[in-house]
């Protein structure tokens, strides 16, 4: 990993080189210098993102021997193809995704799978892809949705959204683990989010955070999803969203 100082100096050198090429009037030199500057900027951004992701993996509170964690991870990466696959699947998303807010959450998920020697599975793929697909504004709204759901994930619940991006949670059907019927009942408060809820619902469905297909509510202006409690509970943990009940 190159230092921020080294990175900045490389960018400065490239910029100066581009300036001299332009001043000399040599089009080929100016194009080459400009491409070099772009590549240096891309490398600096990539290194910054990967550094932030890796620091979150190292700092995860679940490691039994924090002082030895760097060596433990490096040894696993040498010996275990499962660990290498975990790191590769996460790292490529971190580099390519359109927001920085998800980096540390993906780091938390990566740490869990490295620490517990888990193979990449549906939850890992779905949660990392979901987080990597979000814009900065959508990441904030995902956390708000998680905060609305976190207290009710022992029940079967629907997540509703209308055309004005007002969202609420409703219990439905039988309570999980019992034969007791629950009427449709709003849980918590209704909130208005900034994101396009049609797109958010599609992302949640695509990445397996639902137990049923998208459906229509009482009118065609309302859409809903049946939330998958266990994947959403795990996602809430990595987002740092805790229940209050």
Foldseek 3Di string as FASTA:
>chain_A
DDDPVVLVVQLVVLVVQLVVCVVVVPVVSNVVSVVSNVVSVLVVLLVVLVVVLVVLLLPAPPDPDSVCVVVLLVVCCVPPVQLVVLCVLLSVLSSPAQDSPCSSLLSNVSSVCSRVVHGDDLLNNLLSVLSRHDHVQVVVVVLVVLLQCQQPLQAWKKWKAFQQQWIWIWGAADRPPDNDGDHTDTDDDIDHGDDRVVVVLVSCVVSPQADDDWDDDPDNRMIMTTGNRPSSNVSCVSVVRHHDD
